[in-house]
Amino acid sequence: ARIINGTEAPPEHWPWMVAIYNPNDTLVCGGSLINEQYVLTAAHCFRNQDPRKFSVRLGTTLRTNVSQCNITPHDSNIH
């Protein structure tokens, strides 16, 4: 999807927002950093897949920017 006539969102304006990418490096979901260790997102983002194969990116508003904080989840709690 494209946003028309929008304005770029500087990373420092919403530092709790994260992007979640699948093993094919495709954006699948967004999430919210709720403390230093946990991201809250929808359960369907990982349906029938191992969350440790995904990556979580913080600190960027450009989907193609992989040089920012890129973290691999260690565990998940889907309920």
PDB file of N, CA and C in Angstrom:
ATOM      1  N   ALA A   1       0.837  -1.178   0.000  1.00  0.00           N
ATOM      2  CA  ALA A   1       0.000   0.000   0.000  1.00  0.00           C
ATOM      3  C   ALA A   1       0.882   1.241   0.000  1.00  0.00           C
ATOM      4  N   ARG A   2       0.360   2.296  -0.534  1.00  0.00           N
ATOM      5  CA  ARG A   2       1.085   3.557  -0.578  1.00  0.00           C
ATOM      6  C   ARG A   2       0.277   4.624   0.142  1.00  0.00           C
ATOM      7  N   ILE A   3       0.996   5.519   0.754  1.00  0.00           N
ATOM      8  CA  ILE A   3       0.361   6.664   1.393  1.00  0.00           C
ATOM      9  C   ILE A   3       0.614   7.869   0.505  1.00  0.00           C
ATOM     10  N   ILE A   4      -0.447   8.542   0.121  1.00  0.00           N
ATOM     11  CA  ILE A   4      -0.343   9.693  -0.772  1.00  0.00           C
ATOM     12  C   ILE A   4      -0.427  10.972   0.056  1.00  0.00           C
ATOM     13  N   ASN A   5       0.482  11.894  -0.224  1.00  0.00           N
ATOM     14  CA  ASN A   5       0.550  13.186   0.466  1.00  0.00           C
ATOM     15  C   ASN A   5       0.839  13.046   1.963  1.00  0.00           C
ATOM     16  N   GLY A   6       1.464  11.961   2.349  1.00  0.00           N
ATOM     17  CA  GLY A   6       1.852  11.786   3.747  1.00  0.00           C
ATOM     18  C   GLY A   6       3.172  12.480   4.026  1.00  0.00           C
ATOM     19  N   THR A   7       3.588  12.449   5.253  1.00  0.00           N
ATOM     20  CA  THR A   7       4.883  12.999   5.628  1.00  0.00           C
ATOM     21  C   THR A   7       5.716  11.898   6.258  1.00  0.00           C
ATOM     22  N   GLU A   8       7.018  11.964   6.035  1.00  0.00           N
ATOM     23  CA  GLU A   8       7.914  10.960   6.584  1.00  0.00           C
ATOM     24  C   GLU A   8       7.893  11.019   8.109  1.00  0.00           C
ATOM     25  N   ALA A   9       7.873   9.846   8.722  1.00  0.00           N
ATOM     26  CA  ALA A   9       7.850   9.755  10.185  1.00  0.00           C
ATOM     27  C   ALA A   9       9.269   9.550  10.695  1.00  0.00           C
ATOM     28  N   PRO A  10       9.855  10.544  11.341  1.00  0.00           N
ATOM     29  CA  PRO A  10      11.191  10.364  11.907  1.00  0.00           C
ATOM     30  C   PRO A  10      11.170   9.272  12.979  1.00  0.00           C
ATOM     31  N   PRO A  11      12.191   8.413  13.016  1.00  0.00           N
ATOM     32  CA  PRO A  11      12.203   7.299  13.972  1.00  0.00           C
ATOM     33  C   PRO A  11      12.034   7.730  15.421  1.00  0.00           C
ATOM     34  N   GLU A  12      12.555   8.894  15.772  1.00  0.00           N
ATOM     35  CA  GLU A  12      12.483   9.309  17.173  1.00  0.00           C
ATOM     36  C   GLU A  12      11.072   9.704  17.614  1.00  0.00           C
ATOM     37  N   HIS A  13      10.141   9.854  16.683  1.00  0.00           N
ATOM     38  CA  HIS A  13       8.779  10.227  17.062  1.00  0.00           C
ATOM     39  C   HIS A  13       7.990   9.056  17.636  1.00  0.00           C
ATOM     40  N   TRP A  14       8.243   7.849  17.195  1.00  0.00           N
ATOM     41  CA  TRP A  14       7.545   6.659  17.680  1.00  0.00           C
ATOM     42  C   TRP A  14       8.561   5.549  17.936  1.00  0.00           C
ATOM     43  N   PRO A  15       9.394   5.694  18.949  1.00  0.00           N
ATOM     44  CA  PRO A  15      10.489   4.738  19.168  1.00  0.00           C
ATOM     45  C   PRO A  15      10.032   3.353  19.603  1.00  0.00           C
ATOM     46  N   TRP A  16       8.795   3.197  19.990  1.00  0.00           N
ATOM     47  CA  TRP A  16       8.293   1.894  20.440  1.00  0.00           C
ATOM     48  C   TRP A  16       7.773   1.042  19.291  1.00  0.00           C
ATOM     49  N   MET A  17       7.675   1.593  18.095  1.00  0.00           N
ATOM     50  CA  MET A  17       7.157   0.840  16.953  1.00  0.00           C
ATOM     51  C   MET A  17       8.244  -0.050  16.358  1.00  0.00           C
ATOM     52  N   VAL A  18       7.865  -1.284  16.019  1.00  0.00           N
ATOM     53  CA  VAL A  18       8.798  -2.225  15.405  1.00  0.00           C
ATOM     54  C   VAL A  18       8.168  -2.797  14.144  1.00  0.00           C
ATOM     55  N   ALA A  19       9.001  -3.314  13.274  1.00  0.00           N
ATOM     56  CA  ALA A  19       8.564  -4.016  12.071  1.00  0.00           C
ATOM     57  C   ALA A  19       9.011  -5.465  12.204  1.00  0.00           C
ATOM     58  N   ILE A  20       8.132  -6.390  11.847  1.00  0.00           N
ATOM     59  CA  ILE A  20       8.429  -7.814  11.963  1.00  0.00           C
ATOM     60  C   ILE A  20       8.508  -8.402  10.561  1.00  0.00           C
ATOM     61  N   TYR A  21       9.644  -9.053  10.274  1.00  0.00           N
ATOM     62  CA  TYR A  21       9.914  -9.617   8.955  1.00  0.00           C
ATOM     63  C   TYR A  21       9.985 -11.132   9.046  1.00  0.00           C
ATOM     64  N   ASN A  22       9.447 -11.815   8.029  1.00  0.00           N
ATOM     65  CA  ASN A  22       9.506 -13.276   7.998  1.00  0.00           C
ATOM     66  C   ASN A  22      10.869 -13.734   7.487  1.00  0.00           C
ATOM     67  N   PRO A  23      11.107 -15.063   7.437  1.00  0.00           N
ATOM     68  CA  PRO A  23      12.416 -15.557   6.992  1.00  0.00           C
ATOM     69  C   PRO A  23      12.793 -15.146   5.564  1.00  0.00           C
ATOM     70  N   ASN A  24      11.798 -14.778   4.736  1.00  0.00           N
ATOM     71  CA  ASN A  24      12.071 -14.316   3.370  1.00  0.00           C
ATOM     72  C   ASN A  24      12.331 -12.812   3.317  1.00  0.00           C
ATOM     73  N   ASP A  25      12.451 -12.179   4.488  1.00  0.00           N
ATOM     74  CA  ASP A  25      12.693 -10.746   4.622  1.00  0.00           C
ATOM     75  C   ASP A  25      11.544  -9.909   4.064  1.00  0.00           C
ATOM     76  N   THR A  26      10.320 -10.418   4.240  1.00  0.00           N
ATOM     77  CA  THR A  26       9.114  -9.711   3.845  1.00  0.00           C
ATOM     78  C   THR A  26       8.439  -9.167   5.096  1.00  0.00           C
ATOM     79  N   LEU A  27       8.057  -7.908   5.067  1.00  0.00           N
ATOM     80  CA  LEU A  27       7.348  -7.313   6.194  1.00  0.00           C
ATOM     81  C   LEU A  27       6.011  -8.016   6.366  1.00  0.00           C
ATOM     82  N   VAL A  28       5.751  -8.541   7.568  1.00  0.00           N
ATOM     83  CA  VAL A  28       4.497  -9.247   7.808  1.00  0.00           C
ATOM     84  C   VAL A  28       3.619  -8.570   8.850  1.00  0.00           C
ATOM     85  N   CYS A  29       4.209  -7.874   9.791  1.00  0.00           N
ATOM     86  CA  CYS A  29       3.426  -7.270  10.872  1.00  0.00           C
ATOM     87  C   CYS A  29       4.190  -6.119  11.504  1.00  0.00           C
ATOM     88  N   GLY A  30       3.455  -5.349  12.247  1.00  0.00           N
ATOM     89  CA  GLY A  30       4.046  -4.340  13.104  1.00  0.00           C
ATOM     90  C   GLY A  30       3.876  -4.777  14.543  1.00  0.00           C
ATOM     91  N   GLY A  31       4.539  -4.099  15.416  1.00  0.00           N
ATOM     92  CA  GLY A  31       4.419  -4.411  16.832  1.00  0.00           C
ATOM     93  C   GLY A  31       4.823  -3.217  17.667  1.00  0.00           C
ATOM     94  N   SER A  32       4.667  -3.377  18.970  1.00  0.00           N
ATOM     95  CA  SER A  32       5.034  -2.320  19.917  1.00  0.00           C
ATOM     96  C   SER A  32       6.010  -2.866  20.937  1.00  0.00           C
ATOM     97  N   LEU A  33       7.099  -2.159  21.126  1.00  0.00           N
ATOM     98  CA  LEU A  33       8.069  -2.502  22.158  1.00  0.00           C
ATOM     99  C   LEU A  33       7.453  -2.092  23.490  1.00  0.00           C
ATOM    100  N   ILE A  34       7.196  -3.077  24.380  1.00  0.00           N
ATOM    101  CA  ILE A  34       6.519  -2.747  25.636  1.00  0.00           C
ATOM    102  C   ILE A  34       7.476  -2.668  26.820  1.00  0.00           C
ATOM    103  N   ASN A  35       8.691  -3.169  26.659  1.00  0.00           N
ATOM    104  CA  ASN A  35       9.773  -2.935  27.620  1.00  0.00           C
ATOM    105  C   ASN A  35      11.080  -3.312  26.940  1.00  0.00           C
ATOM    106  N   GLU A  36      12.164  -3.427  27.678  1.00  0.00           N
ATOM    107  CA  GLU A  36      13.471  -3.685  27.061  1.00  0.00           C
ATOM    108  C   GLU A  36      13.564  -5.045  26.389  1.00  0.00           C
ATOM    109  N   GLN A  37      12.685  -5.980  26.737  1.00  0.00           N
ATOM    110  CA  GLN A  37      12.800  -7.342  26.224  1.00  0.00           C
ATOM    111  C   GLN A  37      11.615  -7.832  25.409  1.00  0.00           C
ATOM    112  N   TYR A  38      10.481  -7.152  25.444  1.00  0.00           N
ATOM    113  CA  TYR A  38       9.270  -7.715  24.860  1.00  0.00           C
ATOM    114  C   TYR A  38       8.635  -6.821  23.810  1.00  0.00           C
ATOM    115  N   VAL A  39       8.144  -7.498  22.752  1.00  0.00           N
ATOM    116  CA  VAL A  39       7.373  -6.853  21.697  1.00  0.00           C
ATOM    117  C   VAL A  39       5.984  -7.473  21.712  1.00  0.00           C
ATOM    118  N   LEU A  40       4.969  -6.642  21.633  1.00  0.00           N
ATOM    119  CA  LEU A  40       3.591  -7.104  21.569  1.00  0.00           C
ATOM    120  C   LEU A  40       3.113  -6.974  20.137  1.00  0.00           C
ATOM    121  N   THR A  41       2.570  -8.076  19.604  1.00  0.00           N
ATOM    122  CA  THR A  41       2.034  -8.073  18.251  1.00  0.00           C
ATOM    123  C   THR A  41       0.880  -9.063  18.199  1.00  0.00           C
ATOM    124  N   ALA A  42       0.245  -9.197  17.068  1.00  0.00           N
ATOM    125  CA  ALA A  42      -0.885 -10.114  16.912  1.00  0.00           C
ATOM    126  C   ALA A  42      -0.395 -11.553  16.753  1.00  0.00           C
ATOM    127  N   ALA A  43      -1.152 -12.487  17.303  1.00  0.00           N
ATOM    128  CA  ALA A  43      -0.774 -13.905  17.249  1.00  0.00           C
ATOM    129  C   ALA A  43      -0.701 -14.422  15.817  1.00  0.00           C
ATOM    130  N   HIS A  44      -1.544 -13.898  14.925  1.00  0.00           N
ATOM    131  CA  HIS A  44      -1.549 -14.417  13.557  1.00  0.00           C
ATOM    132  C   HIS A  44      -0.245 -14.126  12.809  1.00  0.00           C
ATOM    133  N   CYS A  45       0.574 -13.251  13.329  1.00  0.00           N
ATOM    134  CA  CYS A  45       1.849 -12.942  12.669  1.00  0.00           C
ATOM    135  C   CYS A  45       2.767 -14.157  12.604  1.00  0.00           C
ATOM    136  N   PHE A  46       2.633 -15.065  13.558  1.00  0.00           N
ATOM    137  CA  PHE A  46       3.515 -16.235  13.634  1.00  0.00           C
ATOM    138  C   PHE A  46       2.764 -17.547  13.469  1.00  0.00           C
ATOM    139  N   ARG A  47       1.555 -17.510  12.988  1.00  0.00           N
ATOM    140  CA  ARG A  47       0.734 -18.715  12.884  1.00  0.00           C
ATOM    141  C   ARG A  47       1.483 -19.836  12.156  1.00  0.00           C
ATOM    142  N   ASN A  48       1.602 -20.979  12.839  1.00  0.00           N
ATOM    143  CA  ASN A  48       2.233 -22.197  12.302  1.00  0.00           C
ATOM    144  C   ASN A  48       3.679 -21.985  11.858  1.00  0.00           C
ATOM    145  N   GLN A  49       4.368 -21.035  12.459  1.00  0.00           N
ATOM    146  CA  GLN A  49       5.757 -20.781  12.102  1.00  0.00           C
ATOM    147  C   GLN A  49       6.583 -20.563  13.361  1.00  0.00           C
ATOM    148  N   ASP A  50       7.864 -20.798  13.249  1.00  0.00           N
ATOM    149  CA  ASP A  50       8.783 -20.619  14.368  1.00  0.00           C
ATOM    150  C   ASP A  50       9.179 -19.145  14.466  1.00  0.00           C
ATOM    151  N   PRO A  51       8.775 -18.441  15.525  1.00  0.00           N
ATOM    152  CA  PRO A  51       9.108 -17.019  15.647  1.00  0.00           C
ATOM    153  C   PRO A  51      10.605 -16.733  15.636  1.00  0.00           C
ATOM    154  N   ARG A  52      11.424 -17.717  16.006  1.00  0.00           N
ATOM    155  CA  ARG A  52      12.875 -17.499  16.022  1.00  0.00           C
ATOM    156  C   ARG A  52      13.457 -17.354  14.621  1.00  0.00           C
ATOM    157  N   LYS A  53      12.663 -17.653  13.594  1.00  0.00           N
ATOM    158  CA  LYS A  53      13.123 -17.485  12.214  1.00  0.00           C
ATOM    159  C   LYS A  53      12.777 -16.098  11.670  1.00  0.00           C
ATOM    160  N   PHE A  54      12.101 -15.294  12.466  1.00  0.00           N
ATOM    161  CA  PHE A  54      11.709 -13.949  12.073  1.00  0.00           C
ATOM    162  C   PHE A  54      12.736 -12.946  12.576  1.00  0.00           C
ATOM    163  N   SER A  55      12.619 -11.714  12.130  1.00  0.00           N
ATOM    164  CA  SER A  55      13.462 -10.652  12.677  1.00  0.00           C
ATOM    165  C   SER A  55      12.586  -9.462  13.037  1.00  0.00           C
ATOM    166  N   VAL A  56      13.043  -8.723  14.026  1.00  0.00           N
ATOM    167  CA  VAL A  56      12.346  -7.537  14.509  1.00  0.00           C
ATOM    168  C   VAL A  56      13.275  -6.353  14.298  1.00  0.00           C
ATOM    169  N   ARG A  57      12.787  -5.325  13.619  1.00  0.00           N
ATOM    170  CA  ARG A  57      13.606  -4.145  13.341  1.00  0.00           C
ATOM    171  C   ARG A  57      13.062  -2.937  14.083  1.00  0.00           C
ATOM    172  N   LEU A  58      13.976  -2.205  14.685  1.00  0.00           N
ATOM    173  CA  LEU A  58      13.633  -0.996  15.431  1.00  0.00           C
ATOM    174  C   LEU A  58      14.459   0.173  14.919  1.00  0.00           C
ATOM    175  N   GLY A  59      13.957   1.376  15.098  1.00  0.00           N
ATOM    176  CA  GLY A  59      14.750   2.568  14.834  1.00  0.00           C
ATOM    177  C   GLY A  59      14.812   3.016  13.395  1.00  0.00           C
ATOM    178  N   THR A  60      13.901   2.550  12.551  1.00  0.00           N
ATOM    179  CA  THR A  60      13.905   2.999  11.168  1.00  0.00           C
ATOM    180  C   THR A  60      12.482   3.130  10.661  1.00  0.00           C
ATOM    181  N   THR A  61      12.275   4.025   9.729  1.00  0.00           N
ATOM    182  CA  THR A  61      10.980   4.145   9.072  1.00  0.00           C
ATOM    183  C   THR A  61      11.069   3.705   7.616  1.00  0.00           C
ATOM    184  N   LEU A  62      12.249   3.267   7.196  1.00  0.00           N
ATOM    185  CA  LEU A  62      12.447   2.788   5.830  1.00  0.00           C
ATOM    186  C   LEU A  62      12.480   1.267   5.841  1.00  0.00           C
ATOM    187  N   ARG A  63      11.563   0.638   5.135  1.00  0.00           N
ATOM    188  CA  ARG A  63      11.489  -0.827   5.138  1.00  0.00           C
ATOM    189  C   ARG A  63      12.737  -1.476   4.565  1.00  0.00           C
ATOM    190  N   THR A  64      13.461  -0.776   3.729  1.00  0.00           N
ATOM    191  CA  THR A  64      14.654  -1.347   3.102  1.00  0.00           C
ATOM    192  C   THR A  64      15.903  -1.154   3.942  1.00  0.00           C
ATOM    193  N   ASN A  65      15.807  -0.445   5.046  1.00  0.00           N
ATOM    194  CA  ASN A  65      16.971  -0.151   5.880  1.00  0.00           C
ATOM    195  C   ASN A  65      17.181  -1.271   6.889  1.00  0.00           C
ATOM    196  N   VAL A  66      18.123  -2.170   6.587  1.00  0.00           N
ATOM    197  CA  VAL A  66      18.396  -3.287   7.494  1.00  0.00           C
ATOM    198  C   VAL A  66      19.579  -2.994   8.401  1.00  0.00           C
ATOM    199  N   SER A  67      20.161  -1.805   8.273  1.00  0.00           N
ATOM    200  CA  SER A  67      21.335  -1.491   9.082  1.00  0.00           C
ATOM    201  C   SER A  67      20.969  -1.021  10.485  1.00  0.00           C
ATOM    202  N   GLN A  68      19.713  -0.753  10.730  1.00  0.00           N
ATOM    203  CA  GLN A  68      19.285  -0.353  12.067  1.00  0.00           C
ATOM    204  C   GLN A  68      19.203  -1.586  12.958  1.00  0.00           C
ATOM    205  N   CYS A  69      18.693  -1.429  14.141  1.00  0.00           N
ATOM    206  CA  CYS A  69      18.609  -2.509  15.115  1.00  0.00           C
ATOM    207  C   CYS A  69      17.765  -3.652  14.558  1.00  0.00           C
ATOM    208  N   ASN A  70      18.385  -4.787  14.329  1.00  0.00           N
ATOM    209  CA  ASN A  70      17.734  -5.962  13.754  1.00  0.00           C
ATOM    210  C   ASN A  70      17.924  -7.116  14.734  1.00  0.00           C
ATOM    211  N   ILE A  71      16.847  -7.591  15.349  1.00  0.00           N
ATOM    212  CA  ILE A  71      16.920  -8.574  16.427  1.00  0.00           C
ATOM    213  C   ILE A  71      16.170  -9.838  16.040  1.00  0.00           C
ATOM    214  N   THR A  72      16.717 -10.990  16.415  1.00  0.00           N
ATOM    215  CA  THR A  72      16.033 -12.266  16.237  1.00  0.00           C
ATOM    216  C   THR A  72      15.353 -12.637  17.547  1.00  0.00           C
ATOM    217  N   PRO A  73      14.043 -12.920  17.512  1.00  0.00           N
ATOM    218  CA  PRO A  73      13.357 -13.310  18.748  1.00  0.00           C
ATOM    219  C   PRO A  73      13.937 -14.599  19.323  1.00  0.00           C
ATOM    220  N   HIS A  74      14.004 -14.668  20.643  1.00  0.00           N
ATOM    221  CA  HIS A  74      14.495 -15.865  21.320  1.00  0.00           C
ATOM    222  C   HIS A  74      13.361 -16.787  21.721  1.00  0.00           C
ATOM    223  N   ASP A  75      12.188 -16.248  21.923  1.00  0.00           N
ATOM    224  CA  ASP A  75      11.066 -17.029  22.420  1.00  0.00           C
ATOM    225  C   ASP A  75       9.776 -16.303  22.060  1.00  0.00           C
ATOM    226  N   SER A  76       8.660 -17.000  22.204  1.00  0.00           N
ATOM    227  CA  SER A  76       7.366 -16.372  21.969  1.00  0.00           C
ATOM    228  C   SER A  76       6.347 -16.956  22.934  1.00  0.00           C
ATOM    229  N   ASN A  77       5.303 -16.206  23.155  1.00  0.00           N
ATOM    230  CA  ASN A  77       4.208 -16.648  23.999  1.00  0.00           C
ATOM    231  C   ASN A  77       2.924 -16.288  23.272  1.00  0.00           C
ATOM    232  N   ILE A  78       2.410 -17.233  22.497  1.00  0.00           N
ATOM    233  CA  ILE A  78       1.208 -16.988  21.706  1.00  0.00           C
ATOM    234  C   ILE A  78       0.012 -17.517  22.480  1.00  0.00           C
ATOM    235  N   HIS A  79      -0.952 -16.643  22.696  1.00  0.00           N
ATOM    236  CA  HIS A  79      -2.168 -17.081  23.396  1.00  0.00           C
ATOM    237  C   HIS A  79      -3.373 -16.342  22.889  1.00  0.00           C
TER     238      HIS A  79
END
